[in-house]
């Protein structure tokens, strides 16, 4: 069983221990054999559907799905029933430009 899942959205590419390059949005899996989460899977990887058969990864990977909605779907995967309200602030406003 997995100890922790980490969703990386709009992130830099990741290189798995076997040298495979993972680009785009991906999911890191942490477990007792890999507590550092060094393995990641692209969200389109069919292996994720085997590991998490009840979760619709196809919803996260739809092109029209916003990052906020991707995060909300990920919270469902992690059995987080109550998600706090999140305000989206354009990046230029957060930096004071």
PDB file of N, CA and C in Angstrom:
ATOM      1  N   UNK A   1       0.835  -1.188   0.000  1.00  0.00           N
ATOM      2  CA  UNK A   1       0.000   0.000   0.000  1.00  0.00           C
ATOM      3  C   UNK A   1       0.876   1.247   0.000  1.00  0.00           C
ATOM      4  N   UNK A   2       0.293   2.339  -0.479  1.00  0.00           N
ATOM      5  CA  UNK A   2       1.045   3.576  -0.602  1.00  0.00           C
ATOM      6  C   UNK A   2       0.906   4.412   0.657  1.00  0.00           C
ATOM      7  N   UNK A   3       2.009   5.006   1.049  1.00  0.00           N
ATOM      8  CA  UNK A   3       2.036   5.867   2.221  1.00  0.00           C
ATOM      9  C   UNK A   3       1.597   7.276   1.839  1.00  0.00           C
ATOM     10  N   UNK A   4       2.033   7.713   0.665  1.00  0.00           N
ATOM     11  CA  UNK A   4       1.794   9.091   0.255  1.00  0.00           C
ATOM     12  C   UNK A   4       1.740   9.168  -1.262  1.00  0.00           C
ATOM     13  N   UNK A   5       0.894  10.049  -1.778  1.00  0.00           N
ATOM     14  CA  UNK A   5       0.848  10.373  -3.197  1.00  0.00           C
ATOM     15  C   UNK A   5       1.144  11.855  -3.326  1.00  0.00           C
ATOM     16  N   UNK A   6       1.936  12.208  -4.338  1.00  0.00           N
ATOM     17  CA  UNK A   6       2.217  13.627  -4.585  1.00  0.00           C
ATOM     18  C   UNK A   6       1.911  13.932  -6.042  1.00  0.00           C
ATOM     19  N   UNK A   7       1.025  14.860  -6.256  1.00  0.00           N
ATOM     20  CA  UNK A   7       0.649  15.277  -7.597  1.00  0.00           C
ATOM     21  C   UNK A   7       1.479  16.491  -7.984  1.00  0.00           C
ATOM     22  N   UNK A   8       2.208  16.386  -9.078  1.00  0.00           N
ATOM     23  CA  UNK A   8       2.993  17.507  -9.597  1.00  0.00           C
ATOM     24  C   UNK A   8       2.287  18.045 -10.835  1.00  0.00           C
ATOM     25  N   UNK A   9       1.790  19.268 -10.746  1.00  0.00           N
ATOM     26  CA  UNK A   9       1.102  19.919 -11.857  1.00  0.00           C
ATOM     27  C   UNK A   9       1.975  21.025 -12.415  1.00  0.00           C
ATOM     28  N   UNK A  10       2.007  21.106 -13.748  1.00  0.00           N
ATOM     29  CA  UNK A  10       2.758  22.157 -14.426  1.00  0.00           C
ATOM     30  C   UNK A  10       4.184  22.217 -13.886  1.00  0.00           C
ATOM     31  N   UNK A  11       4.817  21.074 -13.889  1.00  0.00           N
ATOM     32  CA  UNK A  11       6.113  20.945 -13.239  1.00  0.00           C
ATOM     33  C   UNK A  11       7.200  20.621 -14.258  1.00  0.00           C
ATOM     34  N   UNK A  12       8.417  20.698 -13.804  1.00  0.00           N
ATOM     35  CA  UNK A  12       9.560  20.322 -14.632  1.00  0.00           C
ATOM     36  C   UNK A  12       9.547  18.812 -14.854  1.00  0.00           C
ATOM     37  N   UNK A  13      10.202  18.351 -15.916  1.00  0.00           N
ATOM     38  CA  UNK A  13      10.280  16.907 -16.144  1.00  0.00           C
ATOM     39  C   UNK A  13      10.961  16.190 -14.978  1.00  0.00           C
ATOM     40  N   UNK A  14      10.622  14.934 -14.833  1.00  0.00           N
ATOM     41  CA  UNK A  14      11.180  14.087 -13.777  1.00  0.00           C
ATOM     42  C   UNK A  14      11.860  12.898 -14.451  1.00  0.00           C
ATOM     43  N   UNK A  15      12.953  12.429 -13.868  1.00  0.00           N
ATOM     44  CA  UNK A  15      13.622  11.237 -14.391  1.00  0.00           C
ATOM     45  C   UNK A  15      13.513  10.128 -13.350  1.00  0.00           C
ATOM     46  N   UNK A  16      12.896   9.019 -13.762  1.00  0.00           N
ATOM     47  CA  UNK A  16      12.758   7.858 -12.887  1.00  0.00           C
ATOM     48  C   UNK A  16      14.101   7.159 -12.712  1.00  0.00           C
ATOM     49  N   UNK A  17      14.245   6.331 -11.681  1.00  0.00           N
ATOM     50  CA  UNK A  17      15.519   5.638 -11.435  1.00  0.00           C
ATOM     51  C   UNK A  17      16.021   4.807 -12.617  1.00  0.00           C
ATOM     52  N   UNK A  18      15.105   4.339 -13.484  1.00  0.00           N
ATOM     53  CA  UNK A  18      15.531   3.552 -14.643  1.00  0.00           C
ATOM     54  C   UNK A  18      15.926   4.427 -15.830  1.00  0.00           C
ATOM     55  N   UNK A  19      15.897   5.761 -15.659  1.00  0.00           N
ATOM     56  CA  UNK A  19      16.284   6.685 -16.715  1.00  0.00           C
ATOM     57  C   UNK A  19      15.123   7.215 -17.536  1.00  0.00           C
ATOM     58  N   UNK A  20      13.934   6.652 -17.357  1.00  0.00           N
ATOM     59  CA  UNK A  20      12.768   7.113 -18.110  1.00  0.00           C
ATOM     60  C   UNK A  20      12.439   8.554 -17.723  1.00  0.00           C
ATOM     61  N   UNK A  21      12.245   9.401 -18.744  1.00  0.00           N
ATOM     62  CA  UNK A  21      11.912  10.802 -18.504  1.00  0.00           C
ATOM     63  C   UNK A  21      10.391  10.950 -18.483  1.00  0.00           C
ATOM     64  N   UNK A  22       9.896  11.549 -17.416  1.00  0.00           N
ATOM     65  CA  UNK A  22       8.470  11.801 -17.253  1.00  0.00           C
ATOM     66  C   UNK A  22       8.259  13.297 -17.438  1.00  0.00           C
ATOM     67  N   UNK A  23       7.437  13.662 -18.399  1.00  0.00           N
ATOM     68  CA  UNK A  23       7.209  15.088 -18.646  1.00  0.00           C
ATOM     69  C   UNK A  23       5.761  15.436 -18.329  1.00  0.00           C
ATOM     70  N   UNK A  24       5.537  16.686 -18.085  1.00  0.00           N
ATOM     71  CA  UNK A  24       4.184  17.139 -17.806  1.00  0.00           C
ATOM     72  C   UNK A  24       3.704  16.741 -16.421  1.00  0.00           C
ATOM     73  N   UNK A  25       2.391  16.799 -16.246  1.00  0.00           N
ATOM     74  CA  UNK A  25       1.792  16.474 -14.958  1.00  0.00           C
ATOM     75  C   UNK A  25       2.028  15.010 -14.626  1.00  0.00           C
ATOM     76  N   UNK A  26       2.407  14.752 -13.373  1.00  0.00           N
ATOM     77  CA  UNK A  26       2.691  13.372 -12.995  1.00  0.00           C
ATOM     78  C   UNK A  26       2.409  13.137 -11.523  1.00  0.00           C
ATOM     79  N   UNK A  27       2.382  11.858 -11.161  1.00  0.00           N
ATOM     80  CA  UNK A  27       2.056  11.440  -9.810  1.00  0.00           C
ATOM     81  C   UNK A  27       3.224  10.652  -9.241  1.00  0.00           C
ATOM     82  N   UNK A  28       3.709  11.075  -8.074  1.00  0.00           N
ATOM     83  CA  UNK A  28       4.757  10.343  -7.358  1.00  0.00           C
ATOM     84  C   UNK A  28       4.093   9.406  -6.364  1.00  0.00           C
ATOM     85  N   UNK A  29       4.613   8.190  -6.270  1.00  0.00           N
ATOM     86  CA  UNK A  29       4.097   7.199  -5.335  1.00  0.00           C
ATOM     87  C   UNK A  29       5.158   6.913  -4.288  1.00  0.00           C
ATOM     88  N   UNK A  30       4.793   7.061  -3.047  1.00  0.00           N
ATOM     89  CA  UNK A  30       5.689   6.776  -1.930  1.00  0.00           C
ATOM     90  C   UNK A  30       5.157   5.529  -1.232  1.00  0.00           C
ATOM     91  N   UNK A  31       6.025   4.555  -1.001  1.00  0.00           N
ATOM     92  CA  UNK A  31       5.629   3.375  -0.235  1.00  0.00           C
ATOM     93  C   UNK A  31       6.819   2.889   0.577  1.00  0.00           C
ATOM     94  N   UNK A  32       6.652   1.779   1.246  1.00  0.00           N
ATOM     95  CA  UNK A  32       7.729   1.279   2.123  1.00  0.00           C
ATOM     96  C   UNK A  32       8.982   0.899   1.334  1.00  0.00           C
ATOM     97  N   UNK A  33       8.817   0.461   0.079  1.00  0.00           N
ATOM     98  CA  UNK A  33       9.973   0.115  -0.743  1.00  0.00           C
ATOM     99  C   UNK A  33      10.632   1.354  -1.352  1.00  0.00           C
ATOM    100  N   UNK A  34       9.877   2.426  -1.490  1.00  0.00           N
ATOM    101  CA  UNK A  34      10.407   3.660  -2.082  1.00  0.00           C
ATOM    102  C   UNK A  34       9.910   4.868  -1.290  1.00  0.00           C
ATOM    103  N   UNK A  35      10.422   5.042  -0.068  1.00  0.00           N
ATOM    104  CA  UNK A  35       9.937   6.135   0.776  1.00  0.00           C
ATOM    105  C   UNK A  35      10.315   7.524   0.263  1.00  0.00           C
ATOM    106  N   UNK A  36      11.226   7.596  -0.713  1.00  0.00           N
ATOM    107  CA  UNK A  36      11.614   8.903  -1.249  1.00  0.00           C
ATOM    108  C   UNK A  36      10.732   9.332  -2.420  1.00  0.00           C
ATOM    109  N   UNK A  37       9.858   8.443  -2.893  1.00  0.00           N
ATOM    110  CA  UNK A  37       8.977   8.794  -4.005  1.00  0.00           C
ATOM    111  C   UNK A  37       9.715   9.041  -5.296  1.00  0.00           C
ATOM    112  N   UNK A  38      10.784   8.283  -5.518  1.00  0.00           N
ATOM    113  CA  UNK A  38      11.618   8.525  -6.691  1.00  0.00           C
ATOM    114  C   UNK A  38      10.943   8.114  -8.003  1.00  0.00           C
ATOM    115  N   UNK A  39       9.896   7.298  -7.931  1.00  0.00           N
ATOM    116  CA  UNK A  39       9.180   6.879  -9.140  1.00  0.00           C
ATOM    117  C   UNK A  39       7.971   7.769  -9.358  1.00  0.00           C
ATOM    118  N   UNK A  40       7.796   8.188 -10.596  1.00  0.00           N
ATOM    119  CA  UNK A  40       6.638   9.006 -10.959  1.00  0.00           C
ATOM    120  C   UNK A  40       5.989   8.409 -12.201  1.00  0.00           C
ATOM    121  N   UNK A  41       4.717   8.680 -12.352  1.00  0.00           N
ATOM    122  CA  UNK A  41       3.947   8.202 -13.495  1.00  0.00           C
ATOM    123  C   UNK A  41       3.237   9.382 -14.134  1.00  0.00           C
ATOM    124  N   UNK A  42       3.336   9.482 -15.469  1.00  0.00           N
ATOM    125  CA  UNK A  42       2.525  10.478 -16.159  1.00  0.00           C
ATOM    126  C   UNK A  42       1.069  10.139 -15.898  1.00  0.00           C
ATOM    127  N   UNK A  43       0.232  11.140 -15.805  1.00  0.00           N
ATOM    128  CA  UNK A  43      -1.173  10.908 -15.486  1.00  0.00           C
ATOM    129  C   UNK A  43      -1.899  10.114 -16.565  1.00  0.00           C
ATOM    130  N   UNK A  44      -1.312  10.012 -17.748  1.00  0.00           N
ATOM    131  CA  UNK A  44      -1.902   9.220 -18.830  1.00  0.00           C
ATOM    132  C   UNK A  44      -1.408   7.778 -18.834  1.00  0.00           C
ATOM    133  N   UNK A  45      -0.517   7.427 -17.914  1.00  0.00           N
ATOM    134  CA  UNK A  45       0.045   6.075 -17.856  1.00  0.00           C
ATOM    135  C   UNK A  45      -1.047   5.079 -17.463  1.00  0.00           C
ATOM    136  N   UNK A  46      -1.303   4.049 -18.289  1.00  0.00           N
ATOM    137  CA  UNK A  46      -2.359   3.081 -17.976  1.00  0.00           C
ATOM    138  C   UNK A  46      -2.107   2.294 -16.691  1.00  0.00           C
ATOM    139  N   UNK A  47      -0.864   2.233 -16.231  1.00  0.00           N
ATOM    140  CA  UNK A  47      -0.578   1.532 -14.971  1.00  0.00           C
ATOM    141  C   UNK A  47      -1.301   2.177 -13.793  1.00  0.00           C
ATOM    142  N   UNK A  48      -1.539   3.477 -13.863  1.00  0.00           N
ATOM    143  CA  UNK A  48      -2.260   4.148 -12.779  1.00  0.00           C
ATOM    144  C   UNK A  48      -3.690   3.628 -12.666  1.00  0.00           C
ATOM    145  N   UNK A  49      -4.294   3.272 -13.808  1.00  0.00           N
ATOM    146  CA  UNK A  49      -5.649   2.721 -13.776  1.00  0.00           C
ATOM    147  C   UNK A  49      -5.675   1.339 -13.140  1.00  0.00           C
ATOM    148  N   UNK A  50      -4.568   0.630 -13.188  1.00  0.00           N
ATOM    149  CA  UNK A  50      -4.472  -0.677 -12.527  1.00  0.00           C
ATOM    150  C   UNK A  50      -4.271  -0.472 -11.029  1.00  0.00           C
ATOM    151  N   UNK A  51      -3.409   0.470 -10.665  1.00  0.00           N
ATOM    152  CA  UNK A  51      -3.142   0.736  -9.252  1.00  0.00           C
ATOM    153  C   UNK A  51      -4.346   1.350  -8.542  1.00  0.00           C
ATOM    154  N   UNK A  52      -5.091   2.191  -9.252  1.00  0.00           N
ATOM    155  CA  UNK A  52      -6.237   2.897  -8.673  1.00  0.00           C
ATOM    156  C   UNK A  52      -7.450   2.712  -9.590  1.00  0.00           C
ATOM    157  N   UNK A  53      -8.021   1.498  -9.623  1.00  0.00           N
ATOM    158  CA  UNK A  53      -9.076   1.205 -10.601  1.00  0.00           C
ATOM    159  C   UNK A  53     -10.357   2.024 -10.429  1.00  0.00           C
ATOM    160  N   UNK A  54     -10.606   2.543  -9.261  1.00  0.00           N
ATOM    161  CA  UNK A  54     -11.838   3.296  -9.020  1.00  0.00           C
ATOM    162  C   UNK A  54     -11.711   4.780  -9.359  1.00  0.00           C
ATOM    163  N   UNK A  55     -10.503   5.210  -9.731  1.00  0.00           N
ATOM    164  CA  UNK A  55     -10.283   6.638  -9.950  1.00  0.00           C
ATOM    165  C   UNK A  55     -10.233   6.970 -11.439  1.00  0.00           C
ATOM    166  N   UNK A  56     -10.980   7.982 -11.881  1.00  0.00           N
ATOM    167  CA  UNK A  56     -11.011   8.342 -13.308  1.00  0.00           C
ATOM    168  C   UNK A  56      -9.867   9.286 -13.707  1.00  0.00           C
ATOM    169  N   UNK A  57      -8.694   8.736 -13.938  1.00  0.00           N
ATOM    170  CA  UNK A  57      -7.565   9.578 -14.353  1.00  0.00           C
ATOM    171  C   UNK A  57      -7.866  10.317 -15.655  1.00  0.00           C
ATOM    172  N   UNK A  58      -8.759   9.768 -16.463  1.00  0.00           N
ATOM    173  CA  UNK A  58      -9.101  10.443 -17.718  1.00  0.00           C
ATOM    174  C   UNK A  58      -9.734  11.810 -17.460  1.00  0.00           C
ATOM    175  N   UNK A  59     -10.373  11.996 -16.302  1.00  0.00           N
ATOM    176  CA  UNK A  59     -10.948  13.303 -15.966  1.00  0.00           C
ATOM    177  C   UNK A  59      -9.853  14.333 -15.693  1.00  0.00           C
ATOM    178  N   UNK A  60      -8.786  13.912 -15.023  1.00  0.00           N
ATOM    179  CA  UNK A  60      -7.681  14.831 -14.721  1.00  0.00           C
ATOM    180  C   UNK A  60      -6.953  15.243 -15.993  1.00  0.00           C
ATOM    181  N   UNK A  61      -6.855  14.330 -16.941  1.00  0.00           N
ATOM    182  CA  UNK A  61      -6.037  14.587 -18.124  1.00  0.00           C
ATOM    183  C   UNK A  61      -6.794  15.262 -19.264  1.00  0.00           C
ATOM    184  N   UNK A  62      -8.081  15.519 -19.100  1.00  0.00           N
ATOM    185  CA  UNK A  62      -8.815  16.235 -20.147  1.00  0.00           C
ATOM    186  C   UNK A  62      -8.196  17.615 -20.329  1.00  0.00           C
ATOM    187  N   UNK A  63      -8.079  18.038 -21.569  1.00  0.00           N
ATOM    188  CA  UNK A  63      -7.406  19.313 -21.847  1.00  0.00           C
ATOM    189  C   UNK A  63      -8.137  20.506 -21.248  1.00  0.00           C
ATOM    190  N   UNK A  64      -9.447  20.408 -21.090  1.00  0.00           N
ATOM    191  CA  UNK A  64     -10.182  21.556 -20.551  1.00  0.00           C
ATOM    192  C   UNK A  64     -10.243  21.575 -19.022  1.00  0.00           C
ATOM    193  N   UNK A  65      -9.669  20.576 -18.368  1.00  0.00           N
ATOM    194  CA  UNK A  65      -9.675  20.525 -16.906  1.00  0.00           C
ATOM    195  C   UNK A  65      -8.623  21.486 -16.355  1.00  0.00           C
ATOM    196  N   UNK A  66      -9.058  22.423 -15.526  1.00  0.00           N
ATOM    197  CA  UNK A  66      -8.132  23.401 -14.948  1.00  0.00           C
ATOM    198  C   UNK A  66      -7.270  22.741 -13.872  1.00  0.00           C
ATOM    199  N   UNK A  67      -6.181  23.402 -13.515  1.00  0.00           N
ATOM    200  CA  UNK A  67      -5.320  22.857 -12.464  1.00  0.00           C
ATOM    201  C   UNK A  67      -6.051  22.782 -11.131  1.00  0.00           C
ATOM    202  N   UNK A  68      -6.922  23.727 -10.872  1.00  0.00           N
ATOM    203  CA  UNK A  68      -7.690  23.684  -9.628  1.00  0.00           C
ATOM    204  C   UNK A  68      -8.602  22.459  -9.613  1.00  0.00           C
ATOM    205  N   UNK A  69      -9.250  22.188 -10.734  1.00  0.00           N
ATOM    206  CA  UNK A  69     -10.107  21.003 -10.808  1.00  0.00           C
ATOM    207  C   UNK A  69      -9.267  19.728 -10.726  1.00  0.00           C
ATOM    208  N   UNK A  70      -8.077  19.726 -11.331  1.00  0.00           N
ATOM    209  CA  UNK A  70      -7.186  18.568 -11.209  1.00  0.00           C
ATOM    210  C   UNK A  70      -6.848  18.317  -9.744  1.00  0.00           C
ATOM    211  N   UNK A  71      -6.580  19.387  -9.010  1.00  0.00           N
ATOM    212  CA  UNK A  71      -6.276  19.251  -7.587  1.00  0.00           C
ATOM    213  C   UNK A  71      -7.478  18.700  -6.822  1.00  0.00           C
ATOM    214  N   UNK A  72      -8.666  19.204  -7.131  1.00  0.00           N
ATOM    215  CA  UNK A  72      -9.873  18.709  -6.456  1.00  0.00           C
ATOM    216  C   UNK A  72     -10.088  17.219  -6.734  1.00  0.00           C
ATOM    217  N   UNK A  73      -9.883  16.804  -7.966  1.00  0.00           N
ATOM    218  CA  UNK A  73     -10.011  15.385  -8.305  1.00  0.00           C
ATOM    219  C   UNK A  73      -8.970  14.557  -7.560  1.00  0.00           C
ATOM    220  N   UNK A  74      -7.755  15.084  -7.474  1.00  0.00           N
ATOM    221  CA  UNK A  74      -6.697  14.393  -6.733  1.00  0.00           C
ATOM    222  C   UNK A  74      -7.088  14.239  -5.265  1.00  0.00           C
ATOM    223  N   UNK A  75      -7.702  15.255  -4.690  1.00  0.00           N
ATOM    224  CA  UNK A  75      -8.168  15.158  -3.295  1.00  0.00           C
ATOM    225  C   UNK A  75      -9.181  14.027  -3.147  1.00  0.00           C
ATOM    226  N   UNK A  76     -10.027  13.825  -4.158  1.00  0.00           N
ATOM    227  CA  UNK A  76     -10.961  12.696  -4.124  1.00  0.00           C
ATOM    228  C   UNK A  76     -10.211  11.376  -4.099  1.00  0.00           C
ATOM    229  N   UNK A  77      -9.167  11.265  -4.905  1.00  0.00           N
ATOM    230  CA  UNK A  77      -8.349  10.050  -4.921  1.00  0.00           C
ATOM    231  C   UNK A  77      -7.760   9.783  -3.547  1.00  0.00           C
ATOM    232  N   UNK A  78      -7.370  10.829  -2.856  1.00  0.00           N
ATOM    233  CA  UNK A  78      -6.737  10.708  -1.537  1.00  0.00           C
ATOM    234  C   UNK A  78      -7.759  10.646  -0.397  1.00  0.00           C
ATOM    235  N   UNK A  79      -9.037  10.520  -0.750  1.00  0.00           N
ATOM    236  CA  UNK A  79     -10.109  10.432   0.249  1.00  0.00           C
ATOM    237  C   UNK A  79     -10.155  11.647   1.165  1.00  0.00           C
ATOM    238  N   UNK A  80      -9.952  12.811   0.583  1.00  0.00           N
ATOM    239  CA  UNK A  80     -10.072  14.061   1.333  1.00  0.00           C
ATOM    240  C   UNK A  80     -11.453  14.627   0.997  1.00  0.00           C
ATOM    241  N   UNK A  81     -12.434  14.421   1.890  1.00  0.00           N
ATOM    242  CA  UNK A  81     -13.811  14.790   1.555  1.00  0.00           C
ATOM    243  C   UNK A  81     -14.099  16.290   1.600  1.00  0.00           C
ATOM    244  N   UNK A  82     -13.410  17.006   2.454  1.00  0.00           N
ATOM    245  CA  UNK A  82     -13.673  18.438   2.580  1.00  0.00           C
ATOM    246  C   UNK A  82     -12.444  19.203   2.111  1.00  0.00           C
ATOM    247  N   UNK A  83     -12.639  19.962   1.060  1.00  0.00           N
ATOM    248  CA  UNK A  83     -11.537  20.736   0.487  1.00  0.00           C
ATOM    249  C   UNK A  83     -11.790  22.202   0.822  1.00  0.00           C
ATOM    250  N   UNK A  84     -10.809  22.876   1.412  1.00  0.00           N
ATOM    251  CA  UNK A  84     -11.022  24.289   1.737  1.00  0.00           C
ATOM    252  C   UNK A  84     -11.227  25.117   0.473  1.00  0.00           C
ATOM    253  N   UNK A  85     -11.879  26.237   0.640  1.00  0.00           N
ATOM    254  CA  UNK A  85     -12.084  27.150  -0.478  1.00  0.00           C
ATOM    255  C   UNK A  85     -10.729  27.683  -0.949  1.00  0.00           C
ATOM    256  N   UNK A  86     -10.532  27.671  -2.247  1.00  0.00           N
ATOM    257  CA  UNK A  86      -9.271  28.136  -2.822  1.00  0.00           C
ATOM    258  C   UNK A  86      -9.579  29.294  -3.760  1.00  0.00           C
ATOM    259  N   UNK A  87      -8.966  30.429  -3.514  1.00  0.00           N
ATOM    260  CA  UNK A  87      -9.090  31.579  -4.408  1.00  0.00           C
ATOM    261  C   UNK A  87      -7.960  31.542  -5.414  1.00  0.00           C
ATOM    262  N   UNK A  88      -8.304  31.717  -6.666  1.00  0.00           N
ATOM    263  CA  UNK A  88      -7.278  31.775  -7.703  1.00  0.00           C
ATOM    264  C   UNK A  88      -6.930  33.238  -7.926  1.00  0.00           C
ATOM    265  N   UNK A  89      -5.666  33.561  -7.722  1.00  0.00           N
ATOM    266  CA  UNK A  89      -5.174  34.916  -7.916  1.00  0.00           C
ATOM    267  C   UNK A  89      -4.175  34.876  -9.068  1.00  0.00           C
ATOM    268  N   UNK A  90      -4.383  35.693 -10.093  1.00  0.00           N
ATOM    269  CA  UNK A  90      -3.409  35.707 -11.195  1.00  0.00           C
ATOM    270  C   UNK A  90      -1.996  35.931 -10.672  1.00  0.00           C
ATOM    271  N   UNK A  91      -1.048  35.251 -11.291  1.00  0.00           N
ATOM    272  CA  UNK A  91       0.337  35.289 -10.823  1.00  0.00           C
ATOM    273  C   UNK A  91       0.877  36.707 -10.725  1.00  0.00           C
ATOM    274  N   UNK A  92       0.560  37.546 -11.691  1.00  0.00           N
ATOM    275  CA  UNK A  92       1.112  38.906 -11.648  1.00  0.00           C
ATOM    276  C   UNK A  92       0.590  39.685 -10.440  1.00  0.00           C
ATOM    277  N   UNK A  93      -0.604  39.345  -9.930  1.00  0.00           N
ATOM    278  CA  UNK A  93      -1.119  40.017  -8.738  1.00  0.00           C
ATOM    279  C   UNK A  93      -0.422  39.523  -7.477  1.00  0.00           C
ATOM    280  N   UNK A  94      -0.024  38.261  -7.447  1.00  0.00           N
ATOM    281  CA  UNK A  94       0.640  37.738  -6.254  1.00  0.00           C
ATOM    282  C   UNK A  94       2.043  38.299  -6.125  1.00  0.00           C
ATOM    283  N   UNK A  95       2.647  38.681  -7.242  1.00  0.00           N
ATOM    284  CA  UNK A  95       4.008  39.209  -7.204  1.00  0.00           C
ATOM    285  C   UNK A  95       4.029  40.731  -7.101  1.00  0.00           C
ATOM    286  N   UNK A  96       2.860  41.331  -7.141  1.00  0.00           N
ATOM    287  CA  UNK A  96       2.786  42.778  -6.993  1.00  0.00           C
ATOM    288  C   UNK A  96       3.115  43.555  -8.252  1.00  0.00           C
ATOM    289  N   UNK A  97       3.030  42.925  -9.429  1.00  0.00           N
ATOM    290  CA  UNK A  97       3.305  43.639 -10.682  1.00  0.00           C
ATOM    291  C   UNK A  97       2.072  44.367 -11.150  1.00  0.00           C
TER     292      UNK A  97
END
